[in-house]
Amino acid sequence: MALCLELVVDFGADIEAARAAVRVEPWPYTLPAGTFRIPLHRPMLSTKGPSAQVAIVPVAVGHGVAADGSLPRFDLTEVQLKQLERGLYGLLAQFEGYLTAMDGWDPEGFLDVNDLATDWSQELADGTLCGLVLADHLRSRLSLGPAWVPFRPGYVWLPYARQ
C-alpha cells in the first residue's frame, strides 16, 4: 500500500481548467525542502469518477509510490516537509478554475464538495481541516468558520498553524 505526499486539486466538471493546470510550466519542477531540491513527477490528470482531479506528487518522498520505482527516498524532517508543502501551495496559486485542493498524505478524501457539506461540516466551521483550499463561491454552500482566510483572489483556505 502506498502512502503518497501530494497536492490534489479537484476541478469538478471543468476538464479544461484541469488540463490547463497540467500544462503549468516549467516541468520538471523542483521545490526546496531544506538543503534538498525535490523534483516533482509530471502532474497526473484523472477524469474517472464525478470530477476531474490533478495530483502533483514529489519524487521519492512517499512510501511505496509506484511512480518512484526504486529511487531512494528523501529522508525529510518535519520542517523540510512543511517547506515542501508551502512550495506545493505556491504552485497551486498558479491554477484557475478549481473547486477544492489540499496537500498532504493522500488528501483525496477531503475534496468532494458534497462530502464536505455533509460529513465535514463541523471541521469546516471549527477550522480543523488545515490546508484545505476552497473556491470562494462555495461559502454560500458550506458553513465556514472564522479561521478561513484568503488564499488568493477567488479562494479561501485554512492555513497550517506555522505556514
N, C-alpha and C. Protein backbone atom coordinates (compact mmCIF):
# COMPACT_ATOMS: atom_id res chain seq x y z
N MET A 1 0.84 -1.18 0.00
CA MET A 1 0.00 0.00 0.00
C MET A 1 0.89 1.25 0.00
N ALA A 2 0.56 2.18 -0.85
CA ALA A 2 1.36 3.40 -0.98
C ALA A 2 0.85 4.48 -0.03
N LEU A 3 1.76 5.27 0.47
CA LEU A 3 1.45 6.46 1.24
C LEU A 3 2.10 7.60 0.48
N CYS A 4 1.26 8.49 -0.04
CA CYS A 4 1.73 9.46 -1.01
C CYS A 4 1.55 10.89 -0.51
N LEU A 5 2.66 11.63 -0.41
CA LEU A 5 2.56 13.07 -0.17
C LEU A 5 2.25 13.69 -1.52
N GLU A 6 1.17 14.47 -1.58
CA GLU A 6 0.76 15.02 -2.86
C GLU A 6 -0.12 16.25 -2.66
N LEU A 7 -0.21 17.03 -3.71
CA LEU A 7 -1.19 18.09 -3.82
C LEU A 7 -2.25 17.56 -4.76
N VAL A 8 -3.50 17.53 -4.31
CA VAL A 8 -4.61 17.08 -5.14
C VAL A 8 -5.57 18.25 -5.32
N VAL A 9 -5.93 18.49 -6.57
CA VAL A 9 -6.77 19.63 -6.93
C VAL A 9 -8.00 19.10 -7.66
N ASP A 10 -9.18 19.44 -7.15
CA ASP A 10 -10.43 18.97 -7.74
C ASP A 10 -11.07 20.10 -8.55
N PHE A 11 -11.29 19.83 -9.82
CA PHE A 11 -11.83 20.83 -10.74
C PHE A 11 -13.31 20.61 -11.04
N GLY A 12 -13.95 19.69 -10.35
CA GLY A 12 -15.35 19.40 -10.65
C GLY A 12 -15.48 18.96 -12.09
N ALA A 13 -16.43 19.54 -12.80
CA ALA A 13 -16.68 19.19 -14.20
C ALA A 13 -15.82 19.99 -15.18
N ASP A 14 -14.98 20.91 -14.68
CA ASP A 14 -14.21 21.79 -15.56
C ASP A 14 -12.92 21.11 -16.04
N ILE A 15 -13.06 20.21 -16.99
CA ILE A 15 -11.93 19.45 -17.51
C ILE A 15 -10.89 20.35 -18.18
N GLU A 16 -11.35 21.43 -18.81
CA GLU A 16 -10.40 22.34 -19.47
C GLU A 16 -9.51 23.05 -18.46
N ALA A 17 -10.06 23.44 -17.32
CA ALA A 17 -9.24 24.06 -16.28
C ALA A 17 -8.23 23.05 -15.73
N ALA A 18 -8.65 21.80 -15.60
CA ALA A 18 -7.73 20.75 -15.13
C ALA A 18 -6.61 20.54 -16.15
N ARG A 19 -6.95 20.51 -17.41
CA ARG A 19 -5.91 20.36 -18.44
C ARG A 19 -4.95 21.54 -18.44
N ALA A 20 -5.47 22.73 -18.22
CA ALA A 20 -4.60 23.91 -18.15
C ALA A 20 -3.63 23.81 -16.97
N ALA A 21 -4.11 23.29 -15.84
CA ALA A 21 -3.24 23.12 -14.67
C ALA A 21 -2.11 22.14 -14.96
N VAL A 22 -2.41 21.09 -15.69
CA VAL A 22 -1.39 20.10 -16.05
C VAL A 22 -0.31 20.72 -16.92
N ARG A 23 -0.67 21.75 -17.67
CA ARG A 23 0.29 22.39 -18.58
C ARG A 23 1.12 23.49 -17.93
N VAL A 24 0.89 23.77 -16.65
CA VAL A 24 1.68 24.81 -15.98
C VAL A 24 3.15 24.45 -16.09
N GLU A 25 3.96 25.36 -16.55
CA GLU A 25 5.40 25.14 -16.73
C GLU A 25 6.15 25.84 -15.61
N PRO A 26 7.36 25.59 -15.34
CA PRO A 26 8.24 24.67 -16.05
C PRO A 26 8.17 23.27 -15.44
N TRP A 27 8.24 22.29 -16.27
CA TRP A 27 8.37 20.90 -15.84
C TRP A 27 9.64 20.35 -16.47
N PRO A 28 10.52 19.67 -15.81
CA PRO A 28 10.31 19.24 -14.44
C PRO A 28 10.49 20.39 -13.47
N TYR A 29 9.75 20.38 -12.45
CA TYR A 29 9.71 21.43 -11.45
C TYR A 29 10.34 20.89 -10.18
N THR A 30 11.10 21.70 -9.50
CA THR A 30 11.65 21.28 -8.21
C THR A 30 11.24 22.27 -7.14
N LEU A 31 11.14 21.79 -5.93
CA LEU A 31 10.76 22.63 -4.79
C LEU A 31 11.78 22.43 -3.68
N PRO A 32 12.07 23.50 -2.93
CA PRO A 32 13.03 23.37 -1.85
C PRO A 32 12.45 22.64 -0.65
N ALA A 33 13.31 21.89 0.02
CA ALA A 33 13.00 21.24 1.30
C ALA A 33 14.31 21.20 2.06
N GLY A 34 14.59 22.26 2.79
CA GLY A 34 15.88 22.37 3.46
C GLY A 34 16.97 22.48 2.43
N THR A 35 17.97 21.62 2.51
CA THR A 35 19.09 21.65 1.56
C THR A 35 18.77 20.87 0.29
N PHE A 36 17.64 20.19 0.26
CA PHE A 36 17.25 19.41 -0.91
C PHE A 36 16.46 20.24 -1.91
N ARG A 37 16.55 19.88 -3.17
CA ARG A 37 15.65 20.37 -4.23
C ARG A 37 14.87 19.14 -4.67
N ILE A 38 13.59 19.09 -4.35
CA ILE A 38 12.78 17.90 -4.61
C ILE A 38 12.09 18.06 -5.97
N PRO A 39 12.37 17.15 -6.90
CA PRO A 39 11.67 17.20 -8.19
C PRO A 39 10.22 16.72 -8.02
N LEU A 40 9.41 17.09 -8.98
CA LEU A 40 8.01 16.66 -8.99
C LEU A 40 7.78 15.75 -10.18
N HIS A 41 6.97 14.72 -9.96
CA HIS A 41 6.51 13.92 -11.09
C HIS A 41 5.63 14.81 -11.96
N ARG A 42 5.51 14.46 -13.23
CA ARG A 42 4.57 15.18 -14.10
C ARG A 42 3.20 15.13 -13.45
N PRO A 43 2.42 16.20 -13.55
CA PRO A 43 1.06 16.18 -12.97
C PRO A 43 0.23 15.05 -13.59
N MET A 44 -0.59 14.45 -12.75
CA MET A 44 -1.45 13.35 -13.20
C MET A 44 -2.89 13.82 -13.22
N LEU A 45 -3.52 13.72 -14.37
CA LEU A 45 -4.92 14.11 -14.55
C LEU A 45 -5.79 12.87 -14.52
N SER A 46 -6.80 12.90 -13.67
CA SER A 46 -7.77 11.80 -13.60
C SER A 46 -9.15 12.35 -13.92
N THR A 47 -9.81 11.71 -14.86
CA THR A 47 -11.19 12.09 -15.19
C THR A 47 -12.14 10.95 -14.84
N LYS A 48 -11.66 9.99 -14.08
CA LYS A 48 -12.52 8.91 -13.60
C LYS A 48 -13.34 9.44 -12.44
N GLY A 49 -14.57 9.01 -12.36
CA GLY A 49 -15.42 9.49 -11.28
C GLY A 49 -16.13 10.76 -11.66
N PRO A 50 -16.73 11.41 -10.67
CA PRO A 50 -17.59 12.56 -10.96
C PRO A 50 -16.86 13.86 -11.27
N SER A 51 -15.54 13.92 -11.05
CA SER A 51 -14.85 15.18 -11.26
C SER A 51 -13.45 14.95 -11.82
N ALA A 52 -12.91 16.01 -12.39
CA ALA A 52 -11.53 15.99 -12.89
C ALA A 52 -10.60 16.40 -11.75
N GLN A 53 -9.60 15.59 -11.52
CA GLN A 53 -8.63 15.90 -10.47
C GLN A 53 -7.22 15.86 -11.03
N VAL A 54 -6.39 16.76 -10.51
CA VAL A 54 -4.97 16.78 -10.84
C VAL A 54 -4.21 16.50 -9.55
N ALA A 55 -3.26 15.57 -9.64
CA ALA A 55 -2.40 15.25 -8.50
C ALA A 55 -0.96 15.59 -8.87
N ILE A 56 -0.28 16.25 -7.96
CA ILE A 56 1.13 16.58 -8.13
C ILE A 56 1.88 15.93 -6.98
N VAL A 57 2.81 15.06 -7.34
CA VAL A 57 3.49 14.20 -6.37
C VAL A 57 4.99 14.49 -6.40
N PRO A 58 5.57 14.87 -5.26
CA PRO A 58 7.02 15.00 -5.19
C PRO A 58 7.68 13.64 -5.37
N VAL A 59 8.83 13.64 -6.03
CA VAL A 59 9.57 12.41 -6.30
C VAL A 59 10.26 11.92 -5.02
N ALA A 60 10.12 10.62 -4.75
CA ALA A 60 10.86 9.92 -3.69
C ALA A 60 10.64 10.49 -2.30
N VAL A 61 9.42 10.94 -2.02
CA VAL A 61 9.09 11.43 -0.69
C VAL A 61 8.12 10.48 0.00
N GLY A 62 7.20 9.88 -0.74
CA GLY A 62 6.22 8.96 -0.17
C GLY A 62 6.80 7.58 0.08
N HIS A 63 5.92 6.67 0.45
CA HIS A 63 6.30 5.29 0.74
C HIS A 63 5.55 4.38 -0.25
N GLY A 64 6.28 3.61 -1.03
CA GLY A 64 5.65 2.66 -1.93
C GLY A 64 4.94 3.29 -3.12
N VAL A 65 5.33 4.49 -3.53
CA VAL A 65 4.71 5.17 -4.67
C VAL A 65 5.25 4.54 -5.95
N ALA A 66 4.37 3.97 -6.75
CA ALA A 66 4.79 3.23 -7.95
C ALA A 66 5.63 4.09 -8.89
N ALA A 67 5.27 5.36 -9.04
CA ALA A 67 5.99 6.23 -9.96
C ALA A 67 7.44 6.47 -9.54
N ASP A 68 7.75 6.24 -8.27
CA ASP A 68 9.13 6.42 -7.80
C ASP A 68 10.03 5.25 -8.17
N GLY A 69 9.44 4.12 -8.50
CA GLY A 69 10.25 2.95 -8.83
C GLY A 69 11.18 2.59 -7.68
N SER A 70 12.44 2.40 -7.98
CA SER A 70 13.41 2.01 -6.95
C SER A 70 14.26 3.18 -6.46
N LEU A 71 13.84 4.41 -6.74
CA LEU A 71 14.61 5.56 -6.28
C LEU A 71 14.70 5.58 -4.76
N PRO A 72 15.86 5.95 -4.22
CA PRO A 72 15.95 6.07 -2.76
C PRO A 72 15.13 7.27 -2.29
N ARG A 73 14.49 7.10 -1.14
CA ARG A 73 13.63 8.16 -0.60
C ARG A 73 14.46 9.29 -0.01
N PHE A 74 13.92 10.49 -0.12
CA PHE A 74 14.46 11.62 0.64
C PHE A 74 13.98 11.43 2.08
N ASP A 75 14.87 11.50 3.02
CA ASP A 75 14.51 11.38 4.43
C ASP A 75 14.34 12.79 4.97
N LEU A 76 13.12 13.32 4.90
CA LEU A 76 12.86 14.72 5.24
C LEU A 76 12.40 14.86 6.68
N THR A 77 12.84 15.94 7.30
CA THR A 77 12.36 16.29 8.63
C THR A 77 10.99 16.95 8.51
N GLU A 78 10.33 17.14 9.63
CA GLU A 78 9.03 17.81 9.65
C GLU A 78 9.14 19.23 9.08
N VAL A 79 10.21 19.93 9.42
CA VAL A 79 10.43 21.29 8.91
C VAL A 79 10.61 21.26 7.39
N GLN A 80 11.37 20.31 6.88
CA GLN A 80 11.57 20.19 5.44
C GLN A 80 10.27 19.83 4.72
N LEU A 81 9.47 18.95 5.33
CA LEU A 81 8.17 18.60 4.73
C LEU A 81 7.27 19.83 4.65
N LYS A 82 7.25 20.63 5.70
CA LYS A 82 6.42 21.85 5.70
C LYS A 82 6.89 22.82 4.61
N GLN A 83 8.19 22.95 4.41
CA GLN A 83 8.71 23.81 3.35
C GLN A 83 8.29 23.27 1.98
N LEU A 84 8.36 21.97 1.80
CA LEU A 84 7.92 21.35 0.55
C LEU A 84 6.44 21.59 0.32
N GLU A 85 5.63 21.46 1.36
CA GLU A 85 4.19 21.72 1.24
C GLU A 85 3.91 23.17 0.88
N ARG A 86 4.64 24.10 1.46
CA ARG A 86 4.47 25.52 1.09
C ARG A 86 4.75 25.72 -0.39
N GLY A 87 5.76 25.02 -0.91
CA GLY A 87 6.06 25.09 -2.34
C GLY A 87 4.92 24.55 -3.19
N LEU A 88 4.28 23.47 -2.73
CA LEU A 88 3.14 22.93 -3.47
C LEU A 88 1.99 23.93 -3.50
N TYR A 89 1.76 24.63 -2.40
CA TYR A 89 0.71 25.66 -2.38
C TYR A 89 1.08 26.84 -3.28
N GLY A 90 2.37 27.13 -3.39
CA GLY A 90 2.81 28.16 -4.33
C GLY A 90 2.48 27.77 -5.76
N LEU A 91 2.63 26.51 -6.08
CA LEU A 91 2.24 26.02 -7.40
C LEU A 91 0.73 26.11 -7.58
N LEU A 92 -0.02 25.72 -6.55
CA LEU A 92 -1.48 25.80 -6.61
C LEU A 92 -1.96 27.22 -6.90
N ALA A 93 -1.26 28.21 -6.38
CA ALA A 93 -1.67 29.60 -6.58
C ALA A 93 -1.66 30.00 -8.05
N GLN A 94 -1.02 29.20 -8.91
CA GLN A 94 -0.99 29.49 -10.35
C GLN A 94 -2.19 28.90 -11.10
N PHE A 95 -2.98 28.06 -10.43
CA PHE A 95 -4.08 27.37 -11.09
C PHE A 95 -5.36 28.21 -11.02
N GLU A 96 -6.23 27.99 -11.97
CA GLU A 96 -7.53 28.66 -12.03
C GLU A 96 -8.62 27.61 -12.18
N GLY A 97 -9.82 27.92 -11.71
CA GLY A 97 -10.99 27.12 -12.02
C GLY A 97 -11.24 25.90 -11.16
N TYR A 98 -10.47 25.70 -10.12
CA TYR A 98 -10.70 24.52 -9.28
C TYR A 98 -11.72 24.82 -8.19
N LEU A 99 -12.27 23.76 -7.61
CA LEU A 99 -13.24 23.89 -6.52
C LEU A 99 -12.58 23.71 -5.16
N THR A 100 -11.78 22.65 -5.04
CA THR A 100 -11.14 22.33 -3.77
C THR A 100 -9.71 21.85 -4.04
N ALA A 101 -8.87 21.99 -3.04
CA ALA A 101 -7.49 21.49 -3.16
C ALA A 101 -6.93 21.28 -1.75
N MET A 102 -6.00 20.35 -1.68
CA MET A 102 -5.35 20.10 -0.40
C MET A 102 -4.07 19.32 -0.65
N ASP A 103 -3.05 19.59 0.16
CA ASP A 103 -1.87 18.76 0.09
C ASP A 103 -1.81 17.92 1.35
N GLY A 104 -0.96 16.93 1.33
CA GLY A 104 -0.80 16.08 2.50
C GLY A 104 -0.62 14.64 2.07
N TRP A 105 -0.78 13.76 3.04
CA TRP A 105 -0.64 12.33 2.82
C TRP A 105 -2.00 11.80 2.38
N ASP A 106 -2.15 11.56 1.08
CA ASP A 106 -3.39 11.03 0.50
C ASP A 106 -4.62 11.87 0.87
N PRO A 107 -4.68 13.13 0.45
CA PRO A 107 -5.76 14.03 0.87
C PRO A 107 -7.07 13.93 0.07
N GLU A 108 -7.16 13.01 -0.88
CA GLU A 108 -8.32 12.94 -1.77
C GLU A 108 -9.66 12.88 -1.03
N GLY A 109 -9.68 12.27 0.13
CA GLY A 109 -10.93 12.09 0.88
C GLY A 109 -11.53 13.37 1.42
N PHE A 110 -10.84 14.48 1.28
CA PHE A 110 -11.34 15.76 1.80
C PHE A 110 -11.74 16.74 0.72
N LEU A 111 -11.88 16.29 -0.52
CA LEU A 111 -12.05 17.23 -1.63
C LEU A 111 -13.44 17.26 -2.24
N ASP A 112 -14.27 16.27 -2.00
CA ASP A 112 -15.61 16.25 -2.58
C ASP A 112 -16.50 17.26 -1.87
N VAL A 113 -17.07 18.18 -2.63
CA VAL A 113 -17.88 19.25 -2.05
C VAL A 113 -19.09 18.69 -1.31
N ASN A 114 -19.74 17.67 -1.87
CA ASN A 114 -20.90 17.08 -1.19
C ASN A 114 -20.50 16.46 0.14
N ASP A 115 -19.37 15.75 0.16
CA ASP A 115 -18.89 15.16 1.41
C ASP A 115 -18.52 16.24 2.42
N LEU A 116 -17.91 17.31 1.94
CA LEU A 116 -17.56 18.41 2.85
C LEU A 116 -18.81 18.98 3.50
N ALA A 117 -19.88 19.15 2.72
CA ALA A 117 -21.11 19.73 3.23
C ALA A 117 -21.80 18.83 4.25
N THR A 118 -21.70 17.52 4.05
CA THR A 118 -22.42 16.62 4.95
C THR A 118 -21.54 16.02 6.04
N ASP A 119 -20.38 15.49 5.66
CA ASP A 119 -19.56 14.75 6.61
C ASP A 119 -18.52 15.59 7.35
N TRP A 120 -18.18 16.73 6.82
CA TRP A 120 -17.09 17.53 7.38
C TRP A 120 -17.54 18.94 7.79
N SER A 121 -18.84 19.15 7.96
CA SER A 121 -19.34 20.50 8.25
C SER A 121 -18.79 21.05 9.57
N GLN A 122 -18.68 20.21 10.60
CA GLN A 122 -18.15 20.68 11.88
C GLN A 122 -16.69 21.10 11.75
N GLU A 123 -15.91 20.33 11.01
CA GLU A 123 -14.49 20.65 10.82
C GLU A 123 -14.31 21.92 9.98
N LEU A 124 -15.21 22.16 9.03
CA LEU A 124 -15.16 23.40 8.26
C LEU A 124 -15.47 24.60 9.15
N ALA A 125 -16.41 24.42 10.05
CA ALA A 125 -16.79 25.51 10.94
C ALA A 125 -15.74 25.78 12.01
N ASP A 126 -15.13 24.72 12.56
CA ASP A 126 -14.18 24.95 13.64
C ASP A 126 -12.73 25.09 13.17
N GLY A 127 -12.50 24.96 11.86
CA GLY A 127 -11.17 25.23 11.31
C GLY A 127 -10.15 24.13 11.51
N THR A 128 -10.57 22.88 11.54
CA THR A 128 -9.62 21.80 11.79
C THR A 128 -9.20 21.04 10.53
N LEU A 129 -9.66 21.43 9.36
CA LEU A 129 -9.20 20.80 8.11
C LEU A 129 -8.08 21.63 7.51
N CYS A 130 -7.01 21.79 8.26
CA CYS A 130 -5.90 22.66 7.86
C CYS A 130 -5.34 22.24 6.51
N GLY A 131 -5.07 23.23 5.69
CA GLY A 131 -4.52 23.01 4.36
C GLY A 131 -5.56 22.97 3.27
N LEU A 132 -6.83 22.87 3.61
CA LEU A 132 -7.89 22.82 2.61
C LEU A 132 -8.09 24.19 1.98
N VAL A 133 -8.15 24.21 0.64
CA VAL A 133 -8.40 25.44 -0.12
C VAL A 133 -9.74 25.25 -0.84
N LEU A 134 -10.59 26.28 -0.80
CA LEU A 134 -11.91 26.23 -1.43
C LEU A 134 -12.12 27.43 -2.34
N ALA A 135 -12.83 27.19 -3.44
CA ALA A 135 -13.27 28.32 -4.26
C ALA A 135 -14.20 29.17 -3.41
N ASP A 136 -14.03 30.47 -3.48
CA ASP A 136 -14.77 31.40 -2.64
C ASP A 136 -16.28 31.26 -2.80
N HIS A 137 -16.75 30.90 -4.00
CA HIS A 137 -18.20 30.81 -4.22
C HIS A 137 -18.84 29.66 -3.43
N LEU A 138 -18.03 28.76 -2.87
CA LEU A 138 -18.57 27.66 -2.07
C LEU A 138 -18.98 28.11 -0.67
N ARG A 139 -18.62 29.34 -0.29
CA ARG A 139 -19.01 29.86 1.03
C ARG A 139 -20.51 29.77 1.25
N SER A 140 -21.29 30.02 0.20
CA SER A 140 -22.74 30.00 0.34
C SER A 140 -23.28 28.59 0.58
N ARG A 141 -22.53 27.58 0.19
CA ARG A 141 -22.96 26.19 0.35
C ARG A 141 -22.40 25.53 1.61
N LEU A 142 -21.24 25.99 2.05
CA LEU A 142 -20.57 25.40 3.19
C LEU A 142 -20.50 26.40 4.34
N SER A 143 -20.65 25.92 5.54
CA SER A 143 -20.58 26.80 6.72
C SER A 143 -19.13 26.90 7.17
N LEU A 144 -18.49 27.99 6.79
CA LEU A 144 -17.08 28.19 7.11
C LEU A 144 -16.94 29.06 8.35
N GLY A 145 -16.07 28.64 9.24
CA GLY A 145 -15.84 29.40 10.46
C GLY A 145 -14.89 30.57 10.24
N PRO A 146 -14.55 31.27 11.32
CA PRO A 146 -13.72 32.47 11.23
C PRO A 146 -12.25 32.22 10.91
N ALA A 147 -11.80 30.98 10.98
CA ALA A 147 -10.38 30.69 10.73
C ALA A 147 -10.03 30.74 9.24
N TRP A 148 -11.02 30.78 8.37
CA TRP A 148 -10.77 30.81 6.92
C TRP A 148 -10.23 32.17 6.51
N VAL A 149 -9.17 32.16 5.70
CA VAL A 149 -8.54 33.40 5.26
C VAL A 149 -8.35 33.34 3.74
N PRO A 150 -8.13 34.51 3.10
CA PRO A 150 -7.87 34.49 1.66
C PRO A 150 -6.62 33.68 1.32
N PHE A 151 -6.72 32.89 0.26
CA PHE A 151 -5.57 32.15 -0.26
C PHE A 151 -4.97 32.93 -1.42
N ARG A 152 -5.82 33.30 -2.34
CA ARG A 152 -5.54 34.17 -3.48
C ARG A 152 -6.89 34.64 -3.95
N PRO A 153 -6.97 35.62 -4.84
CA PRO A 153 -8.29 36.09 -5.27
C PRO A 153 -9.18 34.94 -5.76
N GLY A 154 -10.37 34.85 -5.18
CA GLY A 154 -11.34 33.82 -5.55
C GLY A 154 -11.26 32.55 -4.73
N TYR A 155 -10.31 32.48 -3.78
CA TYR A 155 -10.12 31.27 -3.00
C TYR A 155 -9.84 31.59 -1.53
N VAL A 156 -10.30 30.72 -0.65
CA VAL A 156 -10.03 30.82 0.79
C VAL A 156 -9.42 29.52 1.25
N TRP A 157 -8.75 29.57 2.42
CA TRP A 157 -8.16 28.35 2.95
C TRP A 157 -8.01 28.40 4.45
N LEU A 158 -7.74 27.22 4.99
CA LEU A 158 -7.39 27.07 6.40
C LEU A 158 -5.89 26.79 6.45
N PRO A 159 -5.09 27.82 6.69
CA PRO A 159 -3.64 27.60 6.67
C PRO A 159 -3.20 26.72 7.86
N TYR A 160 -2.05 26.09 7.68
CA TYR A 160 -1.44 25.37 8.77
C TYR A 160 -0.99 26.38 9.82
N ALA A 161 -0.86 25.95 11.05
CA ALA A 161 -0.52 26.85 12.15
C ALA A 161 0.74 27.67 11.88
N ARG A 162 1.76 27.07 11.28
CA ARG A 162 3.00 27.79 11.04
C ARG A 162 3.33 27.85 9.56
N GLN A 163 2.37 28.22 8.73
CA GLN A 163 2.66 28.37 7.30
C GLN A 163 3.32 29.69 7.17
